[in-house]
């Protein structure tokens, strides 16, 4: 389908959208072999603290029904994305749970010490 995203870049596609609670997101997604309409939902607005910074975020949950690999093999596979509720919609946190384990990633701030 025209404009299709791979599963990872679909997460960044959310940054272009005006998000709102209970909003539905529909987008074409491809794994390189097949293309389907991916779906996601905006679950809630939530303030989270990462290191010493508090972020006002939207929690986005993609539907993993058509995603293959370890996600297909995991009965209750989940991914949750936290994107800031401002105009930048920065991805600040991501968690996933699959049959072989789980992972979590958080935004870190790196400051240059050179001038």
PDB file of N, CA and C in Angstrom:
ATOM      1  N   UNK A   1       0.847  -1.183   0.000  1.00  0.00           N
ATOM      2  CA  UNK A   1       0.000   0.000   0.000  1.00  0.00           C
ATOM      3  C   UNK A   1       0.891   1.245   0.000  1.00  0.00           C
ATOM      4  N   UNK A   2       0.461   2.268  -0.697  1.00  0.00           N
ATOM      5  CA  UNK A   2       1.242   3.512  -0.699  1.00  0.00           C
ATOM      6  C   UNK A   2       1.374   4.076   0.717  1.00  0.00           C
ATOM      7  N   UNK A   3       2.569   4.549   1.046  1.00  0.00           N
ATOM      8  CA  UNK A   3       2.801   5.168   2.348  1.00  0.00           C
ATOM      9  C   UNK A   3       2.931   4.198   3.497  1.00  0.00           C
ATOM     10  N   UNK A   4       3.161   2.903   3.205  1.00  0.00           N
ATOM     11  CA  UNK A   4       3.251   1.901   4.269  1.00  0.00           C
ATOM     12  C   UNK A   4       4.519   2.095   5.103  1.00  0.00           C
ATOM     13  N   UNK A   5       4.424   1.770   6.378  1.00  0.00           N
ATOM     14  CA  UNK A   5       5.534   1.874   7.320  1.00  0.00           C
ATOM     15  C   UNK A   5       5.984   0.481   7.730  1.00  0.00           C
ATOM     16  N   UNK A   6       7.260   0.347   8.102  1.00  0.00           N
ATOM     17  CA  UNK A   6       7.670  -0.882   8.762  1.00  0.00           C
ATOM     18  C   UNK A   6       7.211  -0.742  10.214  1.00  0.00           C
ATOM     19  N   UNK A   7       7.157  -1.830  10.984  1.00  0.00           N
ATOM     20  CA  UNK A   7       6.605  -1.744  12.346  1.00  0.00           C
ATOM     21  C   UNK A   7       7.274  -0.708  13.245  1.00  0.00           C
ATOM     22  N   UNK A   8       8.590  -0.528  13.142  1.00  0.00           N
ATOM     23  CA  UNK A   8       9.252   0.446  14.004  1.00  0.00           C
ATOM     24  C   UNK A   8       8.948   1.886  13.584  1.00  0.00           C
ATOM     25  N   UNK A   9       8.995   2.161  12.291  1.00  0.00           N
ATOM     26  CA  UNK A   9       8.726   3.538  11.855  1.00  0.00           C
ATOM     27  C   UNK A   9       7.276   3.925  12.079  1.00  0.00           C
ATOM     28  N   UNK A  10       6.389   2.952  12.190  1.00  0.00           N
ATOM     29  CA  UNK A  10       4.991   3.263  12.507  1.00  0.00           C
ATOM     30  C   UNK A  10       4.892   3.970  13.852  1.00  0.00           C
ATOM     31  N   UNK A  11       5.771   3.619  14.783  1.00  0.00           N
ATOM     32  CA  UNK A  11       5.776   4.280  16.091  1.00  0.00           C
ATOM     33  C   UNK A  11       6.086   5.762  15.939  1.00  0.00           C
ATOM     34  N   UNK A  12       6.940   6.107  15.000  1.00  0.00           N
ATOM     35  CA  UNK A  12       7.273   7.510  14.781  1.00  0.00           C
ATOM     36  C   UNK A  12       6.202   8.232  13.977  1.00  0.00           C
ATOM     37  N   UNK A  13       5.392   7.484  13.241  1.00  0.00           N
ATOM     38  CA  UNK A  13       4.265   8.072  12.516  1.00  0.00           C
ATOM     39  C   UNK A  13       3.305   8.757  13.486  1.00  0.00           C
ATOM     40  N   UNK A  14       3.152   8.205  14.679  1.00  0.00           N
ATOM     41  CA  UNK A  14       2.266   8.801  15.680  1.00  0.00           C
ATOM     42  C   UNK A  14       2.615  10.258  15.947  1.00  0.00           C
ATOM     43  N   UNK A  15       3.891  10.607  15.761  1.00  0.00           N
ATOM     44  CA  UNK A  15       4.337  11.979  16.036  1.00  0.00           C
ATOM     45  C   UNK A  15       3.672  13.000  15.118  1.00  0.00           C
ATOM     46  N   UNK A  16       3.166  12.564  13.982  1.00  0.00           N
ATOM     47  CA  UNK A  16       2.563  13.502  13.030  1.00  0.00           C
ATOM     48  C   UNK A  16       1.072  13.721  13.293  1.00  0.00           C
ATOM     49  N   UNK A  17       0.513  13.001  14.232  1.00  0.00           N
ATOM     50  CA  UNK A  17      -0.933  13.028  14.458  1.00  0.00           C
ATOM     51  C   UNK A  17      -1.323  13.875  15.665  1.00  0.00           C
ATOM     52  N   UNK A  18      -2.499  14.449  15.601  1.00  0.00           N
ATOM     53  CA  UNK A  18      -3.082  15.120  16.760  1.00  0.00           C
ATOM     54  C   UNK A  18      -3.758  14.029  17.583  1.00  0.00           C
ATOM     55  N   UNK A  19      -3.192  13.709  18.734  1.00  0.00           N
ATOM     56  CA  UNK A  19      -3.709  12.599  19.541  1.00  0.00           C
ATOM     57  C   UNK A  19      -4.743  13.092  20.536  1.00  0.00           C
ATOM     58  N   UNK A  20      -5.685  12.223  20.855  1.00  0.00           N
ATOM     59  CA  UNK A  20      -6.694  12.514  21.879  1.00  0.00           C
ATOM     60  C   UNK A  20      -7.145  11.203  22.502  1.00  0.00           C
ATOM     61  N   UNK A  21      -7.622  11.287  23.736  1.00  0.00           N
ATOM     62  CA  UNK A  21      -8.038  10.088  24.465  1.00  0.00           C
ATOM     63  C   UNK A  21      -9.092   9.319  23.678  1.00  0.00           C
ATOM     64  N   UNK A  22      -8.964   8.018  23.689  1.00  0.00           N
ATOM     65  CA  UNK A  22      -9.850   7.093  22.980  1.00  0.00           C
ATOM     66  C   UNK A  22      -9.793   7.260  21.464  1.00  0.00           C
ATOM     67  N   UNK A  23      -8.756   7.940  20.979  1.00  0.00           N
ATOM     68  CA  UNK A  23      -8.593   8.104  19.539  1.00  0.00           C
ATOM     69  C   UNK A  23      -8.095   6.822  18.897  1.00  0.00           C
ATOM     70  N   UNK A  24      -8.543   6.575  17.690  1.00  0.00           N
ATOM     71  CA  UNK A  24      -8.096   5.409  16.930  1.00  0.00           C
ATOM     72  C   UNK A  24      -7.113   5.864  15.863  1.00  0.00           C
ATOM     73  N   UNK A  25      -6.103   5.049  15.627  1.00  0.00           N
ATOM     74  CA  UNK A  25      -5.081   5.353  14.633  1.00  0.00           C
ATOM     75  C   UNK A  25      -5.071   4.192  13.644  1.00  0.00           C
ATOM     76  N   UNK A  26      -5.146   4.495  12.354  1.00  0.00           N
ATOM     77  CA  UNK A  26      -5.112   3.469  11.312  1.00  0.00           C
ATOM     78  C   UNK A  26      -4.033   3.875  10.312  1.00  0.00           C
ATOM     79  N   UNK A  27      -3.167   2.931   9.945  1.00  0.00           N
ATOM     80  CA  UNK A  27      -2.057   3.236   9.060  1.00  0.00           C
ATOM     81  C   UNK A  27      -1.625   1.957   8.345  1.00  0.00           C
ATOM     82  N   UNK A  28      -1.126   2.069   7.090  1.00  0.00           N
ATOM     83  CA  UNK A  28      -0.625   0.873   6.405  1.00  0.00           C
ATOM     84  C   UNK A  28       0.738   0.480   6.956  1.00  0.00           C
ATOM     85  N   UNK A  29       0.921  -0.801   7.218  1.00  0.00           N
ATOM     86  CA  UNK A  29       2.191  -1.294   7.756  1.00  0.00           C
ATOM     87  C   UNK A  29       2.591  -2.568   7.010  1.00  0.00           C
ATOM     88  N   UNK A  30       3.904  -2.704   6.775  1.00  0.00           N
ATOM     89  CA  UNK A  30       4.408  -3.859   6.028  1.00  0.00           C
ATOM     90  C   UNK A  30       5.611  -4.459   6.740  1.00  0.00           C
ATOM     91  N   UNK A  31       5.707  -5.788   6.675  1.00  0.00           N
ATOM     92  CA  UNK A  31       6.883  -6.467   7.208  1.00  0.00           C
ATOM     93  C   UNK A  31       7.842  -6.841   6.085  1.00  0.00           C
ATOM     94  N   UNK A  32       7.579  -6.321   4.884  1.00  0.00           N
ATOM     95  CA  UNK A  32       8.406  -6.627   3.723  1.00  0.00           C
ATOM     96  C   UNK A  32       7.837  -7.736   2.866  1.00  0.00           C
ATOM     97  N   UNK A  33       6.903  -8.497   3.437  1.00  0.00           N
ATOM     98  CA  UNK A  33       6.273  -9.592   2.694  1.00  0.00           C
ATOM     99  C   UNK A  33       4.788  -9.340   2.476  1.00  0.00           C
ATOM    100  N   UNK A  34       4.146  -8.773   3.478  1.00  0.00           N
ATOM    101  CA  UNK A  34       2.723  -8.479   3.357  1.00  0.00           C
ATOM    102  C   UNK A  34       2.461  -7.083   3.902  1.00  0.00           C
ATOM    103  N   UNK A  35       1.343  -6.528   3.484  1.00  0.00           N
ATOM    104  CA  UNK A  35       0.971  -5.188   3.935  1.00  0.00           C
ATOM    105  C   UNK A  35      -0.462  -5.253   4.469  1.00  0.00           C
ATOM    106  N   UNK A  36      -0.674  -4.682   5.626  1.00  0.00           N
ATOM    107  CA  UNK A  36      -1.990  -4.688   6.258  1.00  0.00           C
ATOM    108  C   UNK A  36      -2.276  -3.303   6.821  1.00  0.00           C
ATOM    109  N   UNK A  37      -3.506  -3.077   7.197  1.00  0.00           N
ATOM    110  CA  UNK A  37      -3.835  -1.847   7.904  1.00  0.00           C
ATOM    111  C   UNK A  37      -3.547  -2.065   9.379  1.00  0.00           C
ATOM    112  N   UNK A  38      -2.565  -1.354   9.881  1.00  0.00           N
ATOM    113  CA  UNK A  38      -2.245  -1.416  11.297  1.00  0.00           C
ATOM    114  C   UNK A  38      -3.194  -0.519  12.071  1.00  0.00           C
ATOM    115  N   UNK A  39      -3.409  -0.850  13.292  1.00  0.00           N
ATOM    116  CA  UNK A  39      -4.302  -0.061  14.134  1.00  0.00           C
ATOM    117  C   UNK A  39      -3.650   0.176  15.483  1.00  0.00           C
ATOM    118  N   UNK A  40      -3.999   1.277  16.070  1.00  0.00           N
ATOM    119  CA  UNK A  40      -3.517   1.587  17.403  1.00  0.00           C
ATOM    120  C   UNK A  40      -4.572   2.412  18.104  1.00  0.00           C
ATOM    121  N   UNK A  41      -4.444   2.522  19.405  1.00  0.00           N
ATOM    122  CA  UNK A  41      -5.405   3.338  20.142  1.00  0.00           C
ATOM    123  C   UNK A  41      -4.673   4.190  21.174  1.00  0.00           C
ATOM    124  N   UNK A  42      -5.226   5.360  21.402  1.00  0.00           N
ATOM    125  CA  UNK A  42      -4.715   6.245  22.435  1.00  0.00           C
ATOM    126  C   UNK A  42      -5.480   5.896  23.696  1.00  0.00           C
ATOM    127  N   UNK A  43      -4.778   5.299  24.660  1.00  0.00           N
ATOM    128  CA  UNK A  43      -5.416   4.757  25.850  1.00  0.00           C
ATOM    129  C   UNK A  43      -5.741   5.838  26.871  1.00  0.00           C
ATOM    130  N   UNK A  44      -4.754   6.691  27.154  1.00  0.00           N
ATOM    131  CA  UNK A  44      -4.972   7.706  28.184  1.00  0.00           C
ATOM    132  C   UNK A  44      -3.868   8.743  28.120  1.00  0.00           C
ATOM    133  N   UNK A  45      -4.076   9.800  28.871  1.00  0.00           N
ATOM    134  CA  UNK A  45      -3.047  10.814  29.078  1.00  0.00           C
ATOM    135  C   UNK A  45      -2.461  10.547  30.456  1.00  0.00           C
ATOM    136  N   UNK A  46      -1.135  10.611  30.554  1.00  0.00           N
ATOM    137  CA  UNK A  46      -0.493  10.235  31.805  1.00  0.00           C
ATOM    138  C   UNK A  46       0.786  11.045  32.008  1.00  0.00           C
ATOM    139  N   UNK A  47       1.010  11.475  33.249  1.00  0.00           N
ATOM    140  CA  UNK A  47       2.268  12.133  33.595  1.00  0.00           C
ATOM    141  C   UNK A  47       3.212  11.058  34.106  1.00  0.00           C
ATOM    142  N   UNK A  48       4.416  11.039  33.521  1.00  0.00           N
ATOM    143  CA  UNK A  48       5.413  10.074  33.948  1.00  0.00           C
ATOM    144  C   UNK A  48       6.712  10.803  34.263  1.00  0.00           C
ATOM    145  N   UNK A  49       7.480  10.223  35.166  1.00  0.00           N
ATOM    146  CA  UNK A  49       8.754  10.815  35.548  1.00  0.00           C
ATOM    147  C   UNK A  49       9.874   9.902  35.077  1.00  0.00           C
ATOM    148  N   UNK A  50      10.777  10.477  34.301  1.00  0.00           N
ATOM    149  CA  UNK A  50      11.950   9.751  33.826  1.00  0.00           C
ATOM    150  C   UNK A  50      13.161  10.544  34.293  1.00  0.00           C
ATOM    151  N   UNK A  51      14.013   9.875  35.057  1.00  0.00           N
ATOM    152  CA  UNK A  51      15.120  10.543  35.731  1.00  0.00           C
ATOM    153  C   UNK A  51      14.544  11.676  36.568  1.00  0.00           C
ATOM    154  N   UNK A  52      14.874  12.903  36.299  1.00  0.00           N
ATOM    155  CA  UNK A  52      14.366  14.011  37.116  1.00  0.00           C
ATOM    156  C   UNK A  52      13.372  14.874  36.362  1.00  0.00           C
ATOM    157  N   UNK A  53      12.903  14.399  35.219  1.00  0.00           N
ATOM    158  CA  UNK A  53      11.993  15.183  34.383  1.00  0.00           C
ATOM    159  C   UNK A  53      10.621  14.534  34.341  1.00  0.00           C
ATOM    160  N   UNK A  54       9.579  15.349  34.512  1.00  0.00           N
ATOM    161  CA  UNK A  54       8.205  14.870  34.402  1.00  0.00           C
ATOM    162  C   UNK A  54       7.672  15.237  33.023  1.00  0.00           C
ATOM    163  N   UNK A  55       7.062  14.275  32.370  1.00  0.00           N
ATOM    164  CA  UNK A  55       6.507  14.477  31.034  1.00  0.00           C
ATOM    165  C   UNK A  55       4.999  14.252  31.063  1.00  0.00           C
ATOM    166  N   UNK A  56       4.268  15.127  30.394  1.00  0.00           N
ATOM    167  CA  UNK A  56       2.840  14.946  30.154  1.00  0.00           C
ATOM    168  C   UNK A  56       2.747  14.163  28.846  1.00  0.00           C
ATOM    169  N   UNK A  57       2.184  12.949  28.882  1.00  0.00           N
ATOM    170  CA  UNK A  57       2.233  12.075  27.709  1.00  0.00           C
ATOM    171  C   UNK A  57       0.869  11.490  27.335  1.00  0.00           C
ATOM    172  N   UNK A  58       0.819  10.998  26.124  1.00  0.00           N
ATOM    173  CA  UNK A  58      -0.265  10.135  25.655  1.00  0.00           C
ATOM    174  C   UNK A  58       0.282   8.713  25.648  1.00  0.00           C
ATOM    175  N   UNK A  59      -0.514   7.761  26.088  1.00  0.00           N
ATOM    176  CA  UNK A  59      -0.133   6.348  26.030  1.00  0.00           C
ATOM    177  C   UNK A  59      -0.814   5.745  24.805  1.00  0.00           C
ATOM    178  N   UNK A  60      -0.001   5.222  23.900  1.00  0.00           N
ATOM    179  CA  UNK A  60      -0.493   4.657  22.645  1.00  0.00           C
ATOM    180  C   UNK A  60      -0.202   3.159  22.645  1.00  0.00           C
ATOM    181  N   UNK A  61      -1.214   2.366  22.288  1.00  0.00           N
ATOM    182  CA  UNK A  61      -1.063   0.906  22.246  1.00  0.00           C
ATOM    183  C   UNK A  61      -1.368   0.414  20.833  1.00  0.00           C
ATOM    184  N   UNK A  62      -0.338  -0.036  20.109  1.00  0.00           N
ATOM    185  CA  UNK A  62      -0.571  -0.596  18.776  1.00  0.00           C
ATOM    186  C   UNK A  62      -1.220  -1.968  18.870  1.00  0.00           C
ATOM    187  N   UNK A  63      -2.062  -2.285  17.903  1.00  0.00           N
ATOM    188  CA  UNK A  63      -2.660  -3.618  17.801  1.00  0.00           C
ATOM    189  C   UNK A  63      -1.624  -4.523  17.138  1.00  0.00           C
ATOM    190  N   UNK A  64      -1.280  -5.624  17.748  1.00  0.00           N
ATOM    191  CA  UNK A  64      -0.245  -6.513  17.236  1.00  0.00           C
ATOM    192  C   UNK A  64      -0.800  -7.712  16.484  1.00  0.00           C
ATOM    193  N   UNK A  65      -2.066  -7.669  16.125  1.00  0.00           N
ATOM    194  CA  UNK A  65      -2.725  -8.817  15.493  1.00  0.00           C
ATOM    195  C   UNK A  65      -1.993  -9.310  14.246  1.00  0.00           C
ATOM    196  N   UNK A  66      -1.515  -8.404  13.408  1.00  0.00           N
ATOM    197  CA  UNK A  66      -0.893  -8.801  12.144  1.00  0.00           C
ATOM    198  C   UNK A  66       0.629  -8.777  12.183  1.00  0.00           C
ATOM    199  N   UNK A  67       1.216  -8.556  13.348  1.00  0.00           N
ATOM    200  CA  UNK A  67       2.671  -8.513  13.469  1.00  0.00           C
ATOM    201  C   UNK A  67       3.175  -9.936  13.690  1.00  0.00           C
ATOM    202  N   UNK A  68       4.207 -10.323  12.965  1.00  0.00           N
ATOM    203  CA  UNK A  68       4.717 -11.685  13.040  1.00  0.00           C
ATOM    204  C   UNK A  68       5.813 -11.851  14.065  1.00  0.00           C
ATOM    205  N   UNK A  69       6.615 -12.886  13.860  1.00  0.00           N
ATOM    206  CA  UNK A  69       7.753 -13.169  14.722  1.00  0.00           C
ATOM    207  C   UNK A  69       7.347 -13.488  16.142  1.00  0.00           C
ATOM    208  N   UNK A  70       8.126 -12.982  17.084  1.00  0.00           N
ATOM    209  CA  UNK A  70       7.898 -13.275  18.498  1.00  0.00           C
ATOM    210  C   UNK A  70       6.548 -12.737  18.973  1.00  0.00           C
ATOM    211  N   UNK A  71       6.037 -11.690  18.315  1.00  0.00           N
ATOM    212  CA  UNK A  71       4.738 -11.147  18.718  1.00  0.00           C
ATOM    213  C   UNK A  71       3.612 -12.125  18.389  1.00  0.00           C
ATOM    214  N   UNK A  72       3.710 -12.816  17.266  1.00  0.00           N
ATOM    215  CA  UNK A  72       2.686 -13.784  16.888  1.00  0.00           C
ATOM    216  C   UNK A  72       2.713 -15.000  17.819  1.00  0.00           C
ATOM    217  N   UNK A  73       3.899 -15.360  18.278  1.00  0.00           N
ATOM    218  CA  UNK A  73       4.050 -16.530  19.139  1.00  0.00           C
ATOM    219  C   UNK A  73       3.667 -16.250  20.583  1.00  0.00           C
ATOM    220  N   UNK A  74       3.473 -14.998  20.921  1.00  0.00           N
ATOM    221  CA  UNK A  74       3.153 -14.614  22.292  1.00  0.00           C
ATOM    222  C   UNK A  74       1.661 -14.341  22.410  1.00  0.00           C
ATOM    223  N   UNK A  75       0.996 -15.129  23.237  1.00  0.00           N
ATOM    224  CA  UNK A  75      -0.462 -15.024  23.372  1.00  0.00           C
ATOM    225  C   UNK A  75      -0.916 -13.630  23.793  1.00  0.00           C
ATOM    226  N   UNK A  76      -0.247 -13.024  24.738  1.00  0.00           N
ATOM    227  CA  UNK A  76      -0.659 -11.709  25.244  1.00  0.00           C
ATOM    228  C   UNK A  76       0.406 -10.639  24.978  1.00  0.00           C
ATOM    229  N   UNK A  77       1.014 -10.651  23.794  1.00  0.00           N
ATOM    230  CA  UNK A  77       2.057  -9.686  23.462  1.00  0.00           C
ATOM    231  C   UNK A  77       1.491  -8.260  23.501  1.00  0.00           C
ATOM    232  N   UNK A  78       2.293  -7.339  24.033  1.00  0.00           N
ATOM    233  CA  UNK A  78       1.866  -5.945  24.142  1.00  0.00           C
ATOM    234  C   UNK A  78       3.034  -5.011  23.900  1.00  0.00           C
ATOM    235  N   UNK A  79       2.731  -3.874  23.314  1.00  0.00           N
ATOM    236  CA  UNK A  79       3.669  -2.757  23.227  1.00  0.00           C
ATOM    237  C   UNK A  79       2.910  -1.529  23.685  1.00  0.00           C
ATOM    238  N   UNK A  80       3.554  -0.713  24.509  1.00  0.00           N
ATOM    239  CA  UNK A  80       2.982   0.566  24.946  1.00  0.00           C
ATOM    240  C   UNK A  80       4.004   1.652  24.641  1.00  0.00           C
ATOM    241  N   UNK A  81       3.531   2.744  24.066  1.00  0.00           N
ATOM    242  CA  UNK A  81       4.376   3.889  23.746  1.00  0.00           C
ATOM    243  C   UNK A  81       3.875   5.110  24.491  1.00  0.00           C
ATOM    244  N   UNK A  82       4.786   5.868  25.068  1.00  0.00           N
ATOM    245  CA  UNK A  82       4.450   7.135  25.717  1.00  0.00           C
ATOM    246  C   UNK A  82       5.054   8.234  24.861  1.00  0.00           C
ATOM    247  N   UNK A  83       4.207   9.108  24.325  1.00  0.00           N
ATOM    248  CA  UNK A  83       4.677  10.249  23.538  1.00  0.00           C
ATOM    249  C   UNK A  83       4.195  11.522  24.214  1.00  0.00           C
ATOM    250  N   UNK A  84       5.046  12.548  24.197  1.00  0.00           N
ATOM    251  CA  UNK A  84       4.680  13.775  24.894  1.00  0.00           C
ATOM    252  C   UNK A  84       3.411  14.378  24.301  1.00  0.00           C
ATOM    253  N   UNK A  85       2.634  15.013  25.155  1.00  0.00           N
ATOM    254  CA  UNK A  85       1.349  15.587  24.749  1.00  0.00           C
ATOM    255  C   UNK A  85       1.502  16.999  24.189  1.00  0.00           C
ATOM    256  N   UNK A  86       2.736  17.422  23.929  1.00  0.00           N
ATOM    257  CA  UNK A  86       2.950  18.735  23.323  1.00  0.00           C
ATOM    258  C   UNK A  86       3.052  18.600  21.801  1.00  0.00           C
ATOM    259  N   UNK A  87       3.378  19.672  21.123  1.00  0.00           N
ATOM    260  CA  UNK A  87       3.418  19.647  19.660  1.00  0.00           C
ATOM    261  C   UNK A  87       4.536  18.759  19.105  1.00  0.00           C
ATOM    262  N   UNK A  88       5.573  18.486  19.912  1.00  0.00           N
ATOM    263  CA  UNK A  88       6.693  17.663  19.443  1.00  0.00           C
ATOM    264  C   UNK A  88       6.376  16.177  19.453  1.00  0.00           C
ATOM    265  N   UNK A  89       5.510  15.742  20.349  1.00  0.00           N
ATOM    266  CA  UNK A  89       5.139  14.337  20.487  1.00  0.00           C
ATOM    267  C   UNK A  89       6.373  13.423  20.510  1.00  0.00           C
ATOM    268  N   UNK A  90       7.298  13.765  21.396  1.00  0.00           N
ATOM    269  CA  UNK A  90       8.524  12.978  21.518  1.00  0.00           C
ATOM    270  C   UNK A  90       8.244  11.617  22.136  1.00  0.00           C
ATOM    271  N   UNK A  91       8.767  10.550  21.550  1.00  0.00           N
ATOM    272  CA  UNK A  91       8.644   9.244  22.203  1.00  0.00           C
ATOM    273  C   UNK A  91       9.592   9.218  23.401  1.00  0.00           C
ATOM    274  N   UNK A  92       9.044   9.109  24.603  1.00  0.00           N
ATOM    275  CA  UNK A  92       9.883   9.156  25.799  1.00  0.00           C
ATOM    276  C   UNK A  92       9.992   7.807  26.514  1.00  0.00           C
ATOM    277  N   UNK A  93       9.096   6.883  26.193  1.00  0.00           N
ATOM    278  CA  UNK A  93       9.148   5.573  26.837  1.00  0.00           C
ATOM    279  C   UNK A  93       8.449   4.548  25.950  1.00  0.00           C
ATOM    280  N   UNK A  94       8.965   3.307  26.018  1.00  0.00           N
ATOM    281  CA  UNK A  94       8.351   2.210  25.277  1.00  0.00           C
ATOM    282  C   UNK A  94       8.560   0.941  26.087  1.00  0.00           C
ATOM    283  N   UNK A  95       7.504   0.153  26.226  1.00  0.00           N
ATOM    284  CA  UNK A  95       7.614  -1.136  26.900  1.00  0.00           C
ATOM    285  C   UNK A  95       7.003  -2.211  26.018  1.00  0.00           C
ATOM    286  N   UNK A  96       7.481  -3.418  26.187  1.00  0.00           N
ATOM    287  CA  UNK A  96       6.935  -4.546  25.442  1.00  0.00           C
ATOM    288  C   UNK A  96       7.020  -5.791  26.311  1.00  0.00           C
ATOM    289  N   UNK A  97       6.050  -6.657  26.126  1.00  0.00           N
ATOM    290  CA  UNK A  97       6.045  -7.943  26.819  1.00  0.00           C
ATOM    291  C   UNK A  97       5.690  -9.016  25.806  1.00  0.00           C
ATOM    292  N   UNK A  98       6.568 -10.029  25.708  1.00  0.00           N
ATOM    293  CA  UNK A  98       6.358 -11.149  24.797  1.00  0.00           C
ATOM    294  C   UNK A  98       6.702 -12.440  25.531  1.00  0.00           C
ATOM    295  N   UNK A  99       6.518 -13.552  24.862  1.00  0.00           N
ATOM    296  CA  UNK A  99       6.695 -14.857  25.492  1.00  0.00           C
ATOM    297  C   UNK A  99       8.112 -15.074  26.043  1.00  0.00           C
ATOM    298  N   UNK A 100       9.120 -14.486  25.393  1.00  0.00           N
ATOM    299  CA  UNK A 100      10.504 -14.725  25.820  1.00  0.00           C
ATOM    300  C   UNK A 100      11.002 -13.696  26.837  1.00  0.00           C
ATOM    301  N   UNK A 101      10.193 -12.697  27.152  1.00  0.00           N
ATOM    302  CA  UNK A 101      10.614 -11.698  28.134  1.00  0.00           C
ATOM    303  C   UNK A 101       9.989 -10.338  27.858  1.00  0.00           C
ATOM    304  N   UNK A 102      10.647  -9.325  28.350  1.00  0.00           N
ATOM    305  CA  UNK A 102      10.123  -7.977  28.175  1.00  0.00           C
ATOM    306  C   UNK A 102      11.280  -6.997  28.049  1.00  0.00           C
ATOM    307  N   UNK A 103      10.958  -5.794  27.589  1.00  0.00           N
ATOM    308  CA  UNK A 103      11.963  -4.745  27.549  1.00  0.00           C
ATOM    309  C   UNK A 103      11.304  -3.410  27.804  1.00  0.00           C
ATOM    310  N   UNK A 104      12.124  -2.444  28.190  1.00  0.00           N
ATOM    311  CA  UNK A 104      11.655  -1.095  28.408  1.00  0.00           C
ATOM    312  C   UNK A 104      12.759  -0.153  27.943  1.00  0.00           C
ATOM    313  N   UNK A 105      12.364   0.896  27.258  1.00  0.00           N
ATOM    314  CA  UNK A 105      13.315   1.918  26.838  1.00  0.00           C
ATOM    315  C   UNK A 105      12.789   3.276  27.259  1.00  0.00           C
ATOM    316  N   UNK A 106      13.683   4.135  27.721  1.00  0.00           N
ATOM    317  CA  UNK A 106      13.304   5.490  28.131  1.00  0.00           C
ATOM    318  C   UNK A 106      14.256   6.489  27.489  1.00  0.00           C
ATOM    319  N   UNK A 107      13.744   7.659  27.209  1.00  0.00           N
ATOM    320  CA  UNK A 107      14.536   8.758  26.678  1.00  0.00           C
ATOM    321  C   UNK A 107      15.572   9.171  27.709  1.00  0.00           C
ATOM    322  N   UNK A 108      16.781   9.386  27.255  1.00  0.00           N
ATOM    323  CA  UNK A 108      17.795   9.940  28.148  1.00  0.00           C
ATOM    324  C   UNK A 108      18.292  11.244  27.537  1.00  0.00           C
ATOM    325  N   UNK A 109      18.698  12.143  28.381  1.00  0.00           N
ATOM    326  CA  UNK A 109      19.205  13.425  27.927  1.00  0.00           C
ATOM    327  C   UNK A 109      20.721  13.376  27.951  1.00  0.00           C
ATOM    328  N   UNK A 110      21.317  13.707  26.820  1.00  0.00           N
ATOM    329  CA  UNK A 110      22.765  13.719  26.719  1.00  0.00           C
ATOM    330  C   UNK A 110      23.190  15.160  26.450  1.00  0.00           C
ATOM    331  N   UNK A 111      24.052  15.651  27.276  1.00  0.00           N
ATOM    332  CA  UNK A 111      24.533  17.017  27.108  1.00  0.00           C
ATOM    333  C   UNK A 111      26.002  16.973  26.717  1.00  0.00           C
ATOM    334  N   UNK A 112      26.334  17.758  25.747  1.00  0.00           N
ATOM    335  CA  UNK A 112      27.714  17.839  25.296  1.00  0.00           C
ATOM    336  C   UNK A 112      28.542  18.657  26.279  1.00  0.00           C
ATOM    337  N   UNK A 113      29.753  18.201  26.550  1.00  0.00           N
ATOM    338  CA  UNK A 113      30.645  18.948  27.452  1.00  0.00           C
ATOM    339  C   UNK A 113      31.644  19.785  26.660  1.00  0.00           C
ATOM    340  N   UNK A 114      31.596  19.654  25.328  1.00  0.00           N
ATOM    341  CA  UNK A 114      32.498  20.453  24.510  1.00  0.00           C
ATOM    342  C   UNK A 114      31.790  21.713  24.044  1.00  0.00           C
ATOM    343  N   UNK A 115      32.606  22.733  23.757  1.00  0.00           N
ATOM    344  CA  UNK A 115      32.027  24.003  23.280  1.00  0.00           C
ATOM    345  C   UNK A 115      32.389  24.246  21.856  1.00  0.00           C
TER     346      UNK A 115
END
